[in-house]
Amino acid sequence: MLKEVFSWIKAIVVALVIAFVIRTFIFVPVIVEGESMMPTLQNADRMIVSKISNYVGEFDRGDIIVFHATESKDYIKRVIAIPGDTLEYRDDTLYLNGEAMEEPYLDDFRAQMNGFPLTENFTLEQVTGESVVPDGQYFVMGDNRQNSKDSREIGLVSKEDVVGKTNFVFWPLDDFGTVEE
């Protein structure tokens, strides 16, 4: 009897250690709060965040990341500019390093806007005081440009504040799968 109890305790401890390691270093679930990433992500979508991306390489333009915006609040946004980039939005077009960039993840939203611009004109320097995105920093924005608290308001996001990259919705089941980057 004592041997069986010890066996159960050992199995539970091992399961807890494995769960702790996975949640701390590999994956963590997150719930999308708000409409700032619409139409790509919906309010209350549940996603898996990969923390592995923090340990291997840098984040790339178009990646969807979760980061600590404040001590008690995490945000989910899209990386628009990476270290070394210059940035300008002019006539609803993104210019990185002087070159016009496509943002296919905004196509559905643009169609709903009936020709009204999604993104107001601005430059990186106007909103952050920087002419180039510094090393270890990212410029992020929500896909719902008119309803997003992002780098235009909160400034650049430090790599140290990034929880990880996400692109997989597991709930609701209608949205199950990877999202467009």
C-alpha atoms as a PDB file:
ATOM      1  CA  MET A   1       0.000   0.000   0.000  1.00  0.00           C
ATOM      2  CA  LEU A   2       2.755   2.465   0.954  1.00  0.00           C
ATOM      3  CA  LYS A   3       4.628   1.564  -2.235  1.00  0.00           C
ATOM      4  CA  GLU A   4       1.539   2.384  -4.334  1.00  0.00           C
ATOM      5  CA  VAL A   5       1.033   5.761  -2.593  1.00  0.00           C
ATOM      6  CA  PHE A   6       4.696   6.614  -3.142  1.00  0.00           C
ATOM      7  CA  SER A   7       4.344   5.651  -6.824  1.00  0.00           C
ATOM      8  CA  TRP A   8       1.345   8.011  -7.218  1.00  0.00           C
ATOM      9  CA  ILE A   9       3.146  10.868  -5.443  1.00  0.00           C
ATOM     10  CA  LYS A  10       6.193  10.371  -7.674  1.00  0.00           C
ATOM     11  CA  ALA A  11       4.021  10.409 -10.824  1.00  0.00           C
ATOM     12  CA  ILE A  12       2.253  13.591  -9.716  1.00  0.00           C
ATOM     13  CA  VAL A  13       5.546  15.352  -8.871  1.00  0.00           C
ATOM     14  CA  VAL A  14       7.046  14.385 -12.249  1.00  0.00           C
ATOM     15  CA  ALA A  15       3.914  15.635 -14.058  1.00  0.00           C
ATOM     16  CA  LEU A  16       4.053  18.947 -12.151  1.00  0.00           C
ATOM     17  CA  VAL A  17       7.754  19.414 -12.945  1.00  0.00           C
ATOM     18  CA  ILE A  18       7.136  18.710 -16.642  1.00  0.00           C
ATOM     19  CA  ALA A  19       4.189  21.130 -16.699  1.00  0.00           C
ATOM     20  CA  PHE A  20       6.302  23.785 -14.949  1.00  0.00           C
ATOM     21  CA  VAL A  21       9.170  23.407 -17.433  1.00  0.00           C
ATOM     22  CA  ILE A  22       6.831  23.516 -20.443  1.00  0.00           C
ATOM     23  CA  ARG A  23       4.951  26.586 -19.183  1.00  0.00           C
ATOM     24  CA  THR A  24       8.082  28.425 -18.065  1.00  0.00           C
ATOM     25  CA  PHE A  25      10.365  27.771 -21.030  1.00  0.00           C
ATOM     26  CA  ILE A  26       8.398  26.437 -24.005  1.00  0.00           C
ATOM     27  CA  PHE A  27       4.678  27.274 -24.364  1.00  0.00           C
ATOM     28  CA  VAL A  28       2.077  29.333 -22.545  1.00  0.00           C
ATOM     29  CA  PRO A  29      -1.597  29.919 -23.361  1.00  0.00           C
ATOM     30  CA  VAL A  30      -2.874  33.479 -23.841  1.00  0.00           C
ATOM     31  CA  ILE A  31      -6.316  35.006 -24.323  1.00  0.00           C
ATOM     32  CA  VAL A  32      -6.744  37.853 -26.806  1.00  0.00           C
ATOM     33  CA  GLU A  33      -8.375  40.780 -25.013  1.00  0.00           C
ATOM     34  CA  GLY A  34      -9.968  43.501 -27.082  1.00  0.00           C
ATOM     35  CA  GLU A  35     -10.303  44.272 -30.762  1.00  0.00           C
ATOM     36  CA  SER A  36      -6.861  45.711 -31.568  1.00  0.00           C
ATOM     37  CA  MET A  37      -5.816  42.723 -33.701  1.00  0.00           C
ATOM     38  CA  MET A  38      -9.067  42.388 -35.657  1.00  0.00           C
ATOM     39  CA  PRO A  39      -9.738  41.050 -38.215  1.00  0.00           C
ATOM     40  CA  THR A  40      -6.749  38.692 -37.801  1.00  0.00           C
ATOM     41  CA  LEU A  41      -7.597  37.817 -34.192  1.00  0.00           C
ATOM     42  CA  GLN A  42     -10.895  38.147 -32.394  1.00  0.00           C
ATOM     43  CA  ASN A  43     -11.602  39.139 -28.800  1.00  0.00           C
ATOM     44  CA  ALA A  44     -11.407  36.039 -26.540  1.00  0.00           C
ATOM     45  CA  ASP A  45      -9.441  33.924 -29.040  1.00  0.00           C
ATOM     46  CA  ARG A  46      -7.201  31.555 -27.117  1.00  0.00           C
ATOM     47  CA  MET A  47      -3.701  31.111 -28.481  1.00  0.00           C
ATOM     48  CA  ILE A  48      -0.463  29.279 -27.769  1.00  0.00           C
ATOM     49  CA  VAL A  49       2.619  31.472 -27.296  1.00  0.00           C
ATOM     50  CA  SER A  50       5.978  29.907 -28.140  1.00  0.00           C
ATOM     51  CA  LYS A  51       8.665  31.072 -25.733  1.00  0.00           C
ATOM     52  CA  ILE A  52      11.288  29.182 -27.733  1.00  0.00           C
ATOM     53  CA  SER A  53      11.429  32.093 -30.173  1.00  0.00           C
ATOM     54  CA  ASN A  54      12.961  34.207 -27.384  1.00  0.00           C
ATOM     55  CA  TYR A  55      15.975  31.916 -27.199  1.00  0.00           C
ATOM     56  CA  VAL A  56      16.630  31.331 -30.892  1.00  0.00           C
ATOM     57  CA  GLY A  57      17.107  34.355 -33.101  1.00  0.00           C
ATOM     58  CA  GLU A  58      15.243  37.586 -33.495  1.00  0.00           C
ATOM     59  CA  PHE A  59      11.635  38.374 -34.288  1.00  0.00           C
ATOM     60  CA  ASP A  60      10.809  39.268 -37.860  1.00  0.00           C
ATOM     61  CA  ARG A  61       8.489  41.773 -39.503  1.00  0.00           C
ATOM     62  CA  GLY A  62       4.948  40.411 -39.528  1.00  0.00           C
ATOM     63  CA  ASP A  63       5.415  38.162 -36.488  1.00  0.00           C
ATOM     64  CA  ILE A  64       2.648  38.351 -33.903  1.00  0.00           C
ATOM     65  CA  ILE A  65       4.154  38.684 -30.445  1.00  0.00           C
ATOM     66  CA  VAL A  66       2.954  38.906 -26.865  1.00  0.00           C
ATOM     67  CA  PHE A  67       4.840  41.310 -24.613  1.00  0.00           C
ATOM     68  CA  HIS A  68       4.646  42.867 -21.162  1.00  0.00           C
ATOM     69  CA  ALA A  69       3.156  46.321 -21.764  1.00  0.00           C
ATOM     70  CA  THR A  70       2.958  47.011 -18.032  1.00  0.00           C
ATOM     71  CA  GLU A  71       3.749  44.967 -14.939  1.00  0.00           C
ATOM     72  CA  SER A  72       0.216  43.589 -14.910  1.00  0.00           C
ATOM     73  CA  LYS A  73      -0.807  43.687 -18.589  1.00  0.00           C
ATOM     74  CA  ASP A  74       0.393  41.806 -21.669  1.00  0.00           C
ATOM     75  CA  TYR A  75      -0.388  42.994 -25.201  1.00  0.00           C
ATOM     76  CA  ILE A  76      -0.534  41.059 -28.437  1.00  0.00           C
ATOM     77  CA  LYS A  77       0.602  42.972 -31.540  1.00  0.00           C
ATOM     78  CA  ARG A  78       2.314  42.541 -34.893  1.00  0.00           C
ATOM     79  CA  VAL A  79       5.993  43.416 -35.412  1.00  0.00           C
ATOM     80  CA  ILE A  80       6.128  46.154 -38.035  1.00  0.00           C
ATOM     81  CA  ALA A  81       9.770  47.263 -37.836  1.00  0.00           C
ATOM     82  CA  ILE A  82      12.873  45.532 -36.499  1.00  0.00           C
ATOM     83  CA  PRO A  83      16.248  46.897 -35.328  1.00  0.00           C
ATOM     84  CA  GLY A  84      17.904  49.027 -37.997  1.00  0.00           C
ATOM     85  CA  ASP A  85      14.660  49.876 -39.831  1.00  0.00           C
ATOM     86  CA  THR A  86      13.376  53.322 -40.684  1.00  0.00           C
ATOM     87  CA  LEU A  87       9.587  53.592 -40.754  1.00  0.00           C
ATOM     88  CA  GLU A  88       6.988  55.837 -42.324  1.00  0.00           C
ATOM     89  CA  TYR A  89       3.280  55.531 -42.978  1.00  0.00           C
ATOM     90  CA  ARG A  90       2.154  57.729 -45.842  1.00  0.00           C
ATOM     91  CA  ASP A  91      -1.184  57.548 -47.685  1.00  0.00           C
ATOM     92  CA  ASP A  92      -2.067  54.323 -45.822  1.00  0.00           C
ATOM     93  CA  THR A  93       1.106  52.620 -47.086  1.00  0.00           C
ATOM     94  CA  LEU A  94       3.930  51.285 -44.933  1.00  0.00           C
ATOM     95  CA  TYR A  95       7.431  52.326 -45.985  1.00  0.00           C
ATOM     96  CA  LEU A  96      10.326  50.468 -44.396  1.00  0.00           C
ATOM     97  CA  ASN A  97      13.784  51.760 -45.212  1.00  0.00           C
ATOM     98  CA  GLY A  98      12.208  53.877 -47.975  1.00  0.00           C
ATOM     99  CA  GLU A  99      10.533  50.912 -49.705  1.00  0.00           C
ATOM    100  CA  ALA A 100       6.749  50.447 -49.895  1.00  0.00           C
ATOM    101  CA  MET A 101       5.718  47.211 -48.165  1.00  0.00           C
ATOM    102  CA  GLU A 102       2.650  45.051 -48.642  1.00  0.00           C
ATOM    103  CA  GLU A 103       0.534  44.157 -45.621  1.00  0.00           C
ATOM    104  CA  PRO A 104      -1.698  41.326 -46.888  1.00  0.00           C
ATOM    105  CA  TYR A 105      -3.087  40.698 -43.385  1.00  0.00           C
ATOM    106  CA  LEU A 106      -4.878  44.075 -43.686  1.00  0.00           C
ATOM    107  CA  ASP A 107      -6.609  43.335 -47.017  1.00  0.00           C
ATOM    108  CA  ASP A 108      -9.902  42.163 -45.472  1.00  0.00           C
ATOM    109  CA  PHE A 109     -10.065  45.182 -43.176  1.00  0.00           C
ATOM    110  CA  ARG A 110      -9.221  47.589 -46.000  1.00  0.00           C
ATOM    111  CA  ALA A 111     -12.123  46.174 -48.025  1.00  0.00           C
ATOM    112  CA  GLN A 112     -14.473  46.905 -45.103  1.00  0.00           C
ATOM    113  CA  MET A 113     -13.221  50.510 -44.821  1.00  0.00           C
ATOM    114  CA  ASN A 114     -14.580  51.554 -48.247  1.00  0.00           C
ATOM    115  CA  GLY A 115     -11.507  53.596 -49.144  1.00  0.00           C
ATOM    116  CA  PHE A 116     -11.000  55.265 -45.761  1.00  0.00           C
ATOM    117  CA  PRO A 117      -7.403  54.948 -44.530  1.00  0.00           C
ATOM    118  CA  LEU A 118      -6.604  52.415 -41.814  1.00  0.00           C
ATOM    119  CA  THR A 119      -3.418  54.128 -40.697  1.00  0.00           C
ATOM    120  CA  GLU A 120      -2.810  57.841 -40.329  1.00  0.00           C
ATOM    121  CA  ASN A 121       0.429  59.338 -41.654  1.00  0.00           C
ATOM    122  CA  PHE A 122       3.424  59.303 -39.281  1.00  0.00           C
ATOM    123  CA  THR A 123       7.143  58.600 -39.137  1.00  0.00           C
ATOM    124  CA  LEU A 124       9.106  56.623 -36.584  1.00  0.00           C
ATOM    125  CA  GLU A 125      10.829  59.808 -35.457  1.00  0.00           C
ATOM    126  CA  GLN A 126       7.516  61.612 -34.887  1.00  0.00           C
ATOM    127  CA  VAL A 127       6.197  58.942 -32.525  1.00  0.00           C
ATOM    128  CA  THR A 128       9.343  57.650 -30.782  1.00  0.00           C
ATOM    129  CA  GLY A 129      11.979  60.326 -31.269  1.00  0.00           C
ATOM    130  CA  GLU A 130      14.207  57.733 -32.955  1.00  0.00           C
ATOM    131  CA  SER A 131      15.143  57.896 -36.641  1.00  0.00           C
ATOM    132  CA  VAL A 132      16.009  54.165 -36.713  1.00  0.00           C
ATOM    133  CA  VAL A 133      14.676  51.291 -34.575  1.00  0.00           C
ATOM    134  CA  PRO A 134      17.491  50.667 -32.044  1.00  0.00           C
ATOM    135  CA  ASP A 135      19.041  47.261 -31.362  1.00  0.00           C
ATOM    136  CA  GLY A 136      16.906  45.078 -29.100  1.00  0.00           C
ATOM    137  CA  GLN A 137      13.733  47.083 -29.848  1.00  0.00           C
ATOM    138  CA  TYR A 138      10.671  46.541 -32.051  1.00  0.00           C
ATOM    139  CA  PHE A 139       7.964  48.778 -33.445  1.00  0.00           C
ATOM    140  CA  VAL A 140       4.618  46.978 -33.082  1.00  0.00           C
ATOM    141  CA  MET A 141       1.053  47.732 -34.158  1.00  0.00           C
ATOM    142  CA  GLY A 142      -2.339  46.098 -33.932  1.00  0.00           C
ATOM    143  CA  ASP A 143      -4.040  45.149 -37.194  1.00  0.00           C
ATOM    144  CA  ASN A 144      -7.069  47.245 -36.211  1.00  0.00           C
ATOM    145  CA  ARG A 145      -5.052  50.419 -36.708  1.00  0.00           C
ATOM    146  CA  GLN A 146      -7.801  52.802 -35.660  1.00  0.00           C
ATOM    147  CA  ASN A 147      -8.415  50.977 -32.383  1.00  0.00           C
ATOM    148  CA  SER A 148      -5.019  49.839 -31.135  1.00  0.00           C
ATOM    149  CA  LYS A 149      -2.780  50.974 -28.314  1.00  0.00           C
ATOM    150  CA  ASP A 150       0.599  50.151 -29.803  1.00  0.00           C
ATOM    151  CA  SER A 151       4.056  51.626 -30.425  1.00  0.00           C
ATOM    152  CA  ARG A 152       2.441  54.831 -31.653  1.00  0.00           C
ATOM    153  CA  GLU A 153       1.372  55.425 -28.031  1.00  0.00           C
ATOM    154  CA  ILE A 154       3.490  53.190 -25.805  1.00  0.00           C
ATOM    155  CA  GLY A 155       6.758  53.446 -27.724  1.00  0.00           C
ATOM    156  CA  LEU A 156       9.136  50.756 -28.854  1.00  0.00           C
ATOM    157  CA  VAL A 157       8.995  47.276 -27.322  1.00  0.00           C
ATOM    158  CA  SER A 158      12.174  45.856 -25.826  1.00  0.00           C
ATOM    159  CA  LYS A 159      13.095  42.260 -26.668  1.00  0.00           C
ATOM    160  CA  GLU A 160      13.413  41.720 -22.899  1.00  0.00           C
ATOM    161  CA  ASP A 161       9.674  42.433 -22.528  1.00  0.00           C
ATOM    162  CA  VAL A 162       8.613  39.923 -25.192  1.00  0.00           C
ATOM    163  CA  VAL A 163       6.932  36.781 -23.829  1.00  0.00           C
ATOM    164  CA  GLY A 164       7.072  35.029 -27.198  1.00  0.00           C
ATOM    165  CA  LYS A 165       5.697  34.620 -30.685  1.00  0.00           C
ATOM    166  CA  THR A 166       2.224  33.331 -31.437  1.00  0.00           C
ATOM    167  CA  ASN A 167       0.356  32.293 -34.535  1.00  0.00           C
ATOM    168  CA  PHE A 168      -1.810  29.370 -33.399  1.00  0.00           C
ATOM    169  CA  VAL A 169      -5.424  29.725 -32.227  1.00  0.00           C
ATOM    170  CA  PHE A 170      -6.784  26.727 -30.324  1.00  0.00           C
ATOM    171  CA  TRP A 171     -10.157  28.184 -29.270  1.00  0.00           C
ATOM    172  CA  PRO A 172     -12.816  28.725 -30.514  1.00  0.00           C
ATOM    173  CA  LEU A 173     -12.701  25.639 -32.696  1.00  0.00           C
ATOM    174  CA  ASP A 174     -14.068  27.600 -35.685  1.00  0.00           C
ATOM    175  CA  ASP A 175     -10.766  29.564 -35.712  1.00  0.00           C
ATOM    176  CA  PHE A 176      -8.544  26.569 -34.874  1.00  0.00           C
ATOM    177  CA  GLY A 177      -5.199  26.716 -36.690  1.00  0.00           C
ATOM    178  CA  THR A 178      -2.457  29.101 -37.683  1.00  0.00           C
ATOM    179  CA  VAL A 179      -3.070  32.772 -38.460  1.00  0.00           C
ATOM    180  CA  GLU A 180      -1.736  34.721 -41.427  1.00  0.00           C
ATOM    181  CA  GLU A 181       1.505  36.572 -40.836  1.00  0.00           C
END
